[in-house]
PDB file of N, CA and C in Angstrom:
ATOM      1  N   MET A   1      48.002  -2.226  12.743  1.00  0.00           N
ATOM      2  CA  MET A   1      46.833  -1.603  12.525  1.00  0.00           C
ATOM      3  C   MET A   1      47.305  -0.222  11.657  1.00  0.00           C
ATOM      4  N   SER A   2      46.488   0.042  10.777  1.00  0.00           N
ATOM      5  CA  SER A   2      46.889   1.226   9.800  1.00  0.00           C
ATOM      6  C   SER A   2      46.747   2.437  10.425  1.00  0.00           C
ATOM      7  N   LEU A   3      47.309   3.515   9.833  1.00  0.00           N
ATOM      8  CA  LEU A   3      47.153   4.875  10.424  1.00  0.00           C
ATOM      9  C   LEU A   3      45.533   5.339  10.441  1.00  0.00           C
ATOM     10  N   ASP A   4      44.929   5.043   9.407  1.00  0.00           N
ATOM     11  CA  ASP A   4      43.516   5.343   9.290  1.00  0.00           C
ATOM     12  C   ASP A   4      42.768   4.638  10.497  1.00  0.00           C
ATOM     13  N   GLU A   5      43.026   3.459  10.661  1.00  0.00           N
ATOM     14  CA  GLU A   5      42.490   2.568  11.731  1.00  0.00           C
ATOM     15  C   GLU A   5      42.746   3.078  13.147  1.00  0.00           C
ATOM     16  N   ARG A   6      43.984   3.506  13.378  1.00  0.00           N
ATOM     17  CA  ARG A   6      44.392   3.929  14.593  1.00  0.00           C
ATOM     18  C   ARG A   6      43.678   5.355  14.860  1.00  0.00           C
ATOM     19  N   PHE A   7      43.635   6.239  13.864  1.00  0.00           N
ATOM     20  CA  PHE A   7      43.023   7.464  13.903  1.00  0.00           C
ATOM     21  C   PHE A   7      41.652   7.459  14.117  1.00  0.00           C
ATOM     22  N   LYS A   8      40.951   6.513  13.574  1.00  0.00           N
ATOM     23  CA  LYS A   8      39.431   6.143  13.806  1.00  0.00           C
ATOM     24  C   LYS A   8      39.210   5.707  15.223  1.00  0.00           C
ATOM     25  N   SER A   9      40.081   4.828  15.726  1.00  0.00           N
ATOM     26  CA  SER A   9      40.057   4.340  17.131  1.00  0.00           C
ATOM     27  C   SER A   9      40.174   5.397  18.068  1.00  0.00           C
ATOM     28  N   MET A  10      41.148   6.296  17.917  1.00  0.00           N
ATOM     29  CA  MET A  10      41.437   7.401  18.772  1.00  0.00           C
ATOM     30  C   MET A  10      40.173   8.361  18.711  1.00  0.00           C
ATOM     31  N   ALA A  11      39.861   8.611  17.588  1.00  0.00           N
ATOM     32  CA  ALA A  11      38.564   9.577  17.477  1.00  0.00           C
ATOM     33  C   ALA A  11      37.411   9.072  18.256  1.00  0.00           C
ATOM     34  N   ASP A  12      37.133   7.743  18.298  1.00  0.00           N
ATOM     35  CA  ASP A  12      36.036   7.109  19.033  1.00  0.00           C
ATOM     36  C   ASP A  12      36.352   7.290  20.560  1.00  0.00           C
ATOM     37  N   LYS A  13      37.621   7.079  20.973  1.00  0.00           N
ATOM     38  CA  LYS A  13      37.931   7.345  22.482  1.00  0.00           C
ATOM     39  C   LYS A  13      37.742   8.744  22.796  1.00  0.00           C
ATOM     40  N   VAL A  14      38.082   9.859  21.986  1.00  0.00           N
ATOM     41  CA  VAL A  14      38.035  11.189  22.263  1.00  0.00           C
ATOM     42  C   VAL A  14      36.532  11.527  22.451  1.00  0.00           C
ATOM     43  N   ARG A  15      35.815  11.002  21.502  1.00  0.00           N
ATOM     44  CA  ARG A  15      34.203  11.365  21.634  1.00  0.00           C
ATOM     45  C   ARG A  15      33.591  10.943  23.024  1.00  0.00           C
ATOM     46  N   THR A  16      34.129   9.807  23.596  1.00  0.00           N
ATOM     47  CA  THR A  16      33.606   9.322  24.837  1.00  0.00           C
ATOM     48  C   THR A  16      34.230   9.758  26.160  1.00  0.00           C
ATOM     49  N   MET A  17      35.387  10.534  25.970  1.00  0.00           N
ATOM     50  CA  MET A  17      36.081  10.858  27.222  1.00  0.00           C
ATOM     51  C   MET A  17      35.516  12.062  27.946  1.00  0.00           C
ATOM     52  N   ASN A  18      35.887  12.333  29.161  1.00  0.00           N
ATOM     53  CA  ASN A  18      35.487  13.621  29.867  1.00  0.00           C
ATOM     54  C   ASN A  18      35.932  14.813  29.093  1.00  0.00           C
ATOM     55  N   PRO A  19      35.196  15.884  29.053  1.00  0.00           N
ATOM     56  CA  PRO A  19      35.732  16.978  28.280  1.00  0.00           C
ATOM     57  C   PRO A  19      37.066  17.476  28.880  1.00  0.00           C
ATOM     58  N   PRO A  20      37.877  17.545  27.820  1.00  0.00           N
ATOM     59  CA  PRO A  20      39.264  18.056  28.173  1.00  0.00           C
ATOM     60  C   PRO A  20      39.301  19.604  28.478  1.00  0.00           C
ATOM     61  N   SER A  21      40.385  20.193  28.765  1.00  0.00           N
ATOM     62  CA  SER A  21      40.619  21.698  28.932  1.00  0.00           C
ATOM     63  C   SER A  21      40.286  22.319  27.566  1.00  0.00           C
ATOM     64  N   ASP A  22      39.933  23.647  27.619  1.00  0.00           N
ATOM     65  CA  ASP A  22      39.616  24.289  26.364  1.00  0.00           C
ATOM     66  C   ASP A  22      40.870  24.195  25.328  1.00  0.00           C
ATOM     67  N   SER A  23      42.066  24.491  25.860  1.00  0.00           N
ATOM     68  CA  SER A  23      43.261  24.330  25.021  1.00  0.00           C
ATOM     69  C   SER A  23      43.287  22.987  24.292  1.00  0.00           C
ATOM     70  N   ASP A  24      43.248  21.913  25.014  1.00  0.00           N
ATOM     71  CA  ASP A  24      43.382  20.529  24.608  1.00  0.00           C
ATOM     72  C   ASP A  24      42.139  20.393  23.704  1.00  0.00           C
ATOM     73  N   SER A  25      40.915  20.855  23.874  1.00  0.00           N
ATOM     74  CA  SER A  25      39.687  20.673  22.978  1.00  0.00           C
ATOM     75  C   SER A  25      40.170  21.250  21.525  1.00  0.00           C
ATOM     76  N   LEU A  26      40.569  22.446  21.617  1.00  0.00           N
ATOM     77  CA  LEU A  26      40.966  23.204  20.546  1.00  0.00           C
ATOM     78  C   LEU A  26      42.110  22.406  19.712  1.00  0.00           C
ATOM     79  N   GLU A  27      42.899  21.860  20.277  1.00  0.00           N
ATOM     80  CA  GLU A  27      44.018  21.176  19.686  1.00  0.00           C
ATOM     81  C   GLU A  27      43.427  19.880  18.953  1.00  0.00           C
ATOM     82  N   LEU A  28      42.641  19.213  19.736  1.00  0.00           N
ATOM     83  CA  LEU A  28      42.057  17.920  19.168  1.00  0.00           C
ATOM     84  C   LEU A  28      41.101  18.437  17.978  1.00  0.00           C
ATOM     85  N   TYR A  29      40.325  19.485  18.159  1.00  0.00           N
ATOM     86  CA  TYR A  29      39.454  19.817  17.097  1.00  0.00           C
ATOM     87  C   TYR A  29      40.253  20.095  15.772  1.00  0.00           C
ATOM     88  N   SER A  30      41.209  21.014  16.024  1.00  0.00           N
ATOM     89  CA  SER A  30      42.060  21.443  14.941  1.00  0.00           C
ATOM     90  C   SER A  30      42.724  20.406  14.195  1.00  0.00           C
ATOM     91  N   LEU A  31      43.207  19.358  14.851  1.00  0.00           N
ATOM     92  CA  LEU A  31      44.035  18.275  14.209  1.00  0.00           C
ATOM     93  C   LEU A  31      42.967  17.301  13.614  1.00  0.00           C
ATOM     94  N   TYR A  32      41.808  17.009  14.246  1.00  0.00           N
ATOM     95  CA  TYR A  32      40.774  16.356  13.577  1.00  0.00           C
ATOM     96  C   TYR A  32      40.276  16.937  12.252  1.00  0.00           C
ATOM     97  N   LYS A  33      39.945  18.152  12.341  1.00  0.00           N
ATOM     98  CA  LYS A  33      39.717  18.958  11.152  1.00  0.00           C
ATOM     99  C   LYS A  33      40.696  18.815   9.846  1.00  0.00           C
ATOM    100  N   GLN A  34      41.984  19.064  10.371  1.00  0.00           N
ATOM    101  CA  GLN A  34      43.059  19.007   9.264  1.00  0.00           C
ATOM    102  C   GLN A  34      43.151  17.677   8.815  1.00  0.00           C
ATOM    103  N   ALA A  35      43.048  16.864   9.714  1.00  0.00           N
ATOM    104  CA  ALA A  35      43.182  15.179   9.206  1.00  0.00           C
ATOM    105  C   ALA A  35      42.047  14.672   8.231  1.00  0.00           C
ATOM    106  N   THR A  36      40.886  15.370   8.450  1.00  0.00           N
ATOM    107  CA  THR A  36      39.743  14.842   7.741  1.00  0.00           C
ATOM    108  C   THR A  36      39.342  15.721   6.578  1.00  0.00           C
ATOM    109  N   VAL A  37      39.559  16.941   6.653  1.00  0.00           N
ATOM    110  CA  VAL A  37      39.231  17.928   5.515  1.00  0.00           C
ATOM    111  C   VAL A  37      40.465  18.474   4.833  1.00  0.00           C
ATOM    112  N   GLY A  38      41.527  18.906   5.579  1.00  0.00           N
ATOM    113  CA  GLY A  38      42.687  19.412   5.046  1.00  0.00           C
ATOM    114  C   GLY A  38      42.710  20.776   5.526  1.00  0.00           C
ATOM    115  N   ASP A  39      43.381  21.623   4.742  1.00  0.00           N
ATOM    116  CA  ASP A  39      43.459  23.102   5.185  1.00  0.00           C
ATOM    117  C   ASP A  39      41.973  23.819   5.286  1.00  0.00           C
ATOM    118  N   CYS A  40      42.030  24.746   6.243  1.00  0.00           N
ATOM    119  CA  CYS A  40      40.670  25.397   6.513  1.00  0.00           C
ATOM    120  C   CYS A  40      40.244  25.932   5.118  1.00  0.00           C
ATOM    121  N   ASN A  41      38.793  25.561   5.057  1.00  0.00           N
ATOM    122  CA  ASN A  41      38.282  26.048   3.687  1.00  0.00           C
ATOM    123  C   ASN A  41      36.952  26.982   3.770  1.00  0.00           C
ATOM    124  N   THR A  42      36.952  27.565   4.958  1.00  0.00           N
ATOM    125  CA  THR A  42      35.708  28.478   5.283  1.00  0.00           C
ATOM    126  C   THR A  42      36.207  29.938   5.736  1.00  0.00           C
ATOM    127  N   GLY A  43      35.525  30.848   5.596  1.00  0.00           N
ATOM    128  CA  GLY A  43      35.795  32.090   6.061  1.00  0.00           C
ATOM    129  C   GLY A  43      35.819  32.179   7.634  1.00  0.00           C
ATOM    130  N   ARG A  44      36.404  33.061   8.159  1.00  0.00           N
ATOM    131  CA  ARG A  44      36.629  33.330   9.655  1.00  0.00           C
ATOM    132  C   ARG A  44      35.094  33.849  10.147  1.00  0.00           C
ATOM    133  N   PRO A  45      34.656  33.337  11.213  1.00  0.00           N
ATOM    134  CA  PRO A  45      33.355  33.748  11.618  1.00  0.00           C
ATOM    135  C   PRO A  45      33.466  35.178  12.178  1.00  0.00           C
ATOM    136  N   GLY A  46      32.181  35.778  12.424  1.00  0.00           N
ATOM    137  CA  GLY A  46      32.201  37.167  12.755  1.00  0.00           C
ATOM    138  C   GLY A  46      32.683  37.376  14.233  1.00  0.00           C
ATOM    139  N   ALA A  47      32.620  38.627  14.605  1.00  0.00           N
ATOM    140  CA  ALA A  47      33.240  39.062  15.907  1.00  0.00           C
ATOM    141  C   ALA A  47      32.444  38.577  17.099  1.00  0.00           C
ATOM    142  N   LEU A  48      31.103  38.325  16.740  1.00  0.00           N
ATOM    143  CA  LEU A  48      30.258  37.887  17.916  1.00  0.00           C
ATOM    144  C   LEU A  48      30.489  36.447  18.196  1.00  0.00           C
ATOM    145  N   ASP A  49      30.860  35.730  17.272  1.00  0.00           N
ATOM    146  CA  ASP A  49      31.136  34.268  17.392  1.00  0.00           C
ATOM    147  C   ASP A  49      32.554  33.797  17.979  1.00  0.00           C
ATOM    148  N   VAL A  50      32.470  34.040  19.188  1.00  0.00           N
ATOM    149  CA  VAL A  50      33.952  33.997  19.903  1.00  0.00           C
ATOM    150  C   VAL A  50      34.344  32.352  19.829  1.00  0.00           C
ATOM    151  N   LYS A  51      33.486  31.584  20.140  1.00  0.00           N
ATOM    152  CA  LYS A  51      33.825  30.088  20.042  1.00  0.00           C
ATOM    153  C   LYS A  51      34.170  29.638  18.703  1.00  0.00           C
ATOM    154  N   GLY A  52      33.349  30.084  17.662  1.00  0.00           N
ATOM    155  CA  GLY A  52      33.691  29.744  16.286  1.00  0.00           C
ATOM    156  C   GLY A  52      34.967  30.366  15.831  1.00  0.00           C
ATOM    157  N   LYS A  53      35.202  31.526  16.323  1.00  0.00           N
ATOM    158  CA  LYS A  53      36.586  32.257  15.779  1.00  0.00           C
ATOM    159  C   LYS A  53      37.767  31.319  16.478  1.00  0.00           C
ATOM    160  N   ALA A  54      37.592  30.930  17.605  1.00  0.00           N
ATOM    161  CA  ALA A  54      38.764  30.178  18.309  1.00  0.00           C
ATOM    162  C   ALA A  54      38.843  28.883  17.593  1.00  0.00           C
ATOM    163  N   LYS A  55      37.667  28.104  17.231  1.00  0.00           N
ATOM    164  CA  LYS A  55      37.882  26.882  16.433  1.00  0.00           C
ATOM    165  C   LYS A  55      38.601  27.245  15.106  1.00  0.00           C
ATOM    166  N   TRP A  56      38.102  28.221  14.532  1.00  0.00           N
ATOM    167  CA  TRP A  56      38.568  28.588  13.099  1.00  0.00           C
ATOM    168  C   TRP A  56      40.183  28.999  13.226  1.00  0.00           C
ATOM    169  N   ASP A  57      40.419  29.776  14.155  1.00  0.00           N
ATOM    170  CA  ASP A  57      41.841  30.053  14.340  1.00  0.00           C
ATOM    171  C   ASP A  57      42.800  28.886  14.568  1.00  0.00           C
ATOM    172  N   ALA A  58      42.279  27.909  15.478  1.00  0.00           N
ATOM    173  CA  ALA A  58      43.057  26.818  15.735  1.00  0.00           C
ATOM    174  C   ALA A  58      43.298  25.982  14.594  1.00  0.00           C
ATOM    175  N   TRP A  59      42.140  25.694  13.830  1.00  0.00           N
ATOM    176  CA  TRP A  59      42.319  24.884  12.524  1.00  0.00           C
ATOM    177  C   TRP A  59      43.106  25.574  11.473  1.00  0.00           C
ATOM    178  N   ASN A  60      42.872  26.824  11.318  1.00  0.00           N
ATOM    179  CA  ASN A  60      43.732  27.577  10.197  1.00  0.00           C
ATOM    180  C   ASN A  60      45.191  27.667  10.717  1.00  0.00           C
ATOM    181  N   GLY A  61      45.540  27.404  11.939  1.00  0.00           N
ATOM    182  CA  GLY A  61      46.852  27.385  12.341  1.00  0.00           C
ATOM    183  C   GLY A  61      47.527  26.115  11.903  1.00  0.00           C
ATOM    184  N   LYS A  62      46.837  25.046  11.602  1.00  0.00           N
ATOM    185  CA  LYS A  62      47.378  23.791  11.080  1.00  0.00           C
ATOM    186  C   LYS A  62      47.637  23.879   9.630  1.00  0.00           C
ATOM    187  N   LYS A  63      47.268  24.981   8.910  1.00  0.00           N
ATOM    188  CA  LYS A  63      47.627  25.113   7.353  1.00  0.00           C
ATOM    189  C   LYS A  63      48.882  24.590   7.119  1.00  0.00           C
ATOM    190  N   GLY A  64      48.924  23.627   5.996  1.00  0.00           N
ATOM    191  CA  GLY A  64      49.987  23.202   5.482  1.00  0.00           C
ATOM    192  C   GLY A  64      50.477  21.944   5.948  1.00  0.00           C
ATOM    193  N   THR A  65      49.893  21.396   7.248  1.00  0.00           N
ATOM    194  CA  THR A  65      50.112  20.261   7.651  1.00  0.00           C
ATOM    195  C   THR A  65      49.385  19.057   6.884  1.00  0.00           C
ATOM    196  N   SER A  66      50.014  18.049   6.664  1.00  0.00           N
ATOM    197  CA  SER A  66      49.508  16.985   5.769  1.00  0.00           C
ATOM    198  C   SER A  66      48.443  16.251   6.577  1.00  0.00           C
ATOM    199  N   GLN A  67      47.410  15.654   5.795  1.00  0.00           N
ATOM    200  CA  GLN A  67      46.425  14.958   6.593  1.00  0.00           C
ATOM    201  C   GLN A  67      46.943  13.778   7.437  1.00  0.00           C
ATOM    202  N   ASP A  68      48.137  13.118   6.829  1.00  0.00           N
ATOM    203  CA  ASP A  68      48.658  12.075   7.713  1.00  0.00           C
ATOM    204  C   ASP A  68      49.489  12.527   8.820  1.00  0.00           C
ATOM    205  N   ASP A  69      50.007  13.590   8.718  1.00  0.00           N
ATOM    206  CA  ASP A  69      50.688  14.204   9.954  1.00  0.00           C
ATOM    207  C   ASP A  69      49.787  14.688  10.881  1.00  0.00           C
ATOM    208  N   ALA A  70      48.667  15.166  10.575  1.00  0.00           N
ATOM    209  CA  ALA A  70      47.718  15.509  11.480  1.00  0.00           C
ATOM    210  C   ALA A  70      47.119  14.361  12.099  1.00  0.00           C
ATOM    211  N   LYS A  71      46.840  13.295  11.514  1.00  0.00           N
ATOM    212  CA  LYS A  71      46.300  12.078  12.096  1.00  0.00           C
ATOM    213  C   LYS A  71      47.334  11.471  13.216  1.00  0.00           C
ATOM    214  N   GLU A  72      48.625  11.419  12.914  1.00  0.00           N
ATOM    215  CA  GLU A  72      49.764  11.205  13.855  1.00  0.00           C
ATOM    216  C   GLU A  72      49.608  12.070  15.032  1.00  0.00           C
ATOM    217  N   LYS A  73      49.682  13.358  14.830  1.00  0.00           N
ATOM    218  CA  LYS A  73      49.544  14.111  15.994  1.00  0.00           C
ATOM    219  C   LYS A  73      48.274  14.051  16.732  1.00  0.00           C
ATOM    220  N   TYR A  74      47.310  13.734  16.058  1.00  0.00           N
ATOM    221  CA  TYR A  74      45.969  13.668  16.713  1.00  0.00           C
ATOM    222  C   TYR A  74      46.028  12.371  17.671  1.00  0.00           C
ATOM    223  N   ILE A  75      46.623  11.362  17.258  1.00  0.00           N
ATOM    224  CA  ILE A  75      46.853  10.254  18.110  1.00  0.00           C
ATOM    225  C   ILE A  75      47.714  10.432  19.309  1.00  0.00           C
ATOM    226  N   THR A  76      48.777  11.132  18.973  1.00  0.00           N
ATOM    227  CA  THR A  76      49.734  11.574  20.041  1.00  0.00           C
ATOM    228  C   THR A  76      49.048  12.268  21.080  1.00  0.00           C
ATOM    229  N   LYS A  77      48.353  13.283  20.566  1.00  0.00           N
ATOM    230  CA  LYS A  77      47.684  14.202  21.597  1.00  0.00           C
ATOM    231  C   LYS A  77      46.628  13.299  22.397  1.00  0.00           C
ATOM    232  N   GLY A  78      45.938  12.342  21.872  1.00  0.00           N
ATOM    233  CA  GLY A  78      44.988  11.554  22.587  1.00  0.00           C
ATOM    234  C   GLY A  78      45.683  10.740  23.643  1.00  0.00           C
ATOM    235  N   GLN A  79      46.842  10.232  23.229  1.00  0.00           N
ATOM    236  CA  GLN A  79      47.653   9.316  24.024  1.00  0.00           C
ATOM    237  C   GLN A  79      48.248  10.114  25.389  1.00  0.00           C
ATOM    238  N   SER A  80      48.584  11.390  24.943  1.00  0.00           N
ATOM    239  CA  SER A  80      49.145  12.448  26.098  1.00  0.00           C
ATOM    240  C   SER A  80      47.966  12.498  27.060  1.00  0.00           C
ATOM    241  N   LEU A  81      46.749  12.468  26.715  1.00  0.00           N
ATOM    242  CA  LEU A  81      45.620  12.723  27.559  1.00  0.00           C
ATOM    243  C   LEU A  81      45.133  11.499  28.369  1.00  0.00           C
ATOM    244  N   GLY A  82      45.819  10.376  28.091  1.00  0.00           N
ATOM    245  CA  GLY A  82      45.720   9.166  28.857  1.00  0.00           C
ATOM    246  C   GLY A  82      44.653   8.120  28.065  1.00  0.00           C
ATOM    247  N   LEU A  83      44.538   8.434  26.690  1.00  0.00           N
ATOM    248  CA  LEU A  83      43.571   7.513  25.975  1.00  0.00           C
ATOM    249  C   LEU A  83      44.305   6.455  25.416  1.00  0.00           C
TER     250      LEU A  83
END
């Protein structure tokens, strides 16, 4: 199975899992965004958008990670959660 196929399979499993902890959710979100979009390409949300800022910070923290590396890390994170 190719990396893209394994990534898509894990993404499907993540979508149907019970909600993970906030930190695991942010890690999965940031790796998914890095894998599918690349480096963060939006401005940081305003002070009142606490959830949006947390997501932005997590994604921006992956800056410089290649999309293939992010896919591998996403798959590994999903496996560590029992998927």
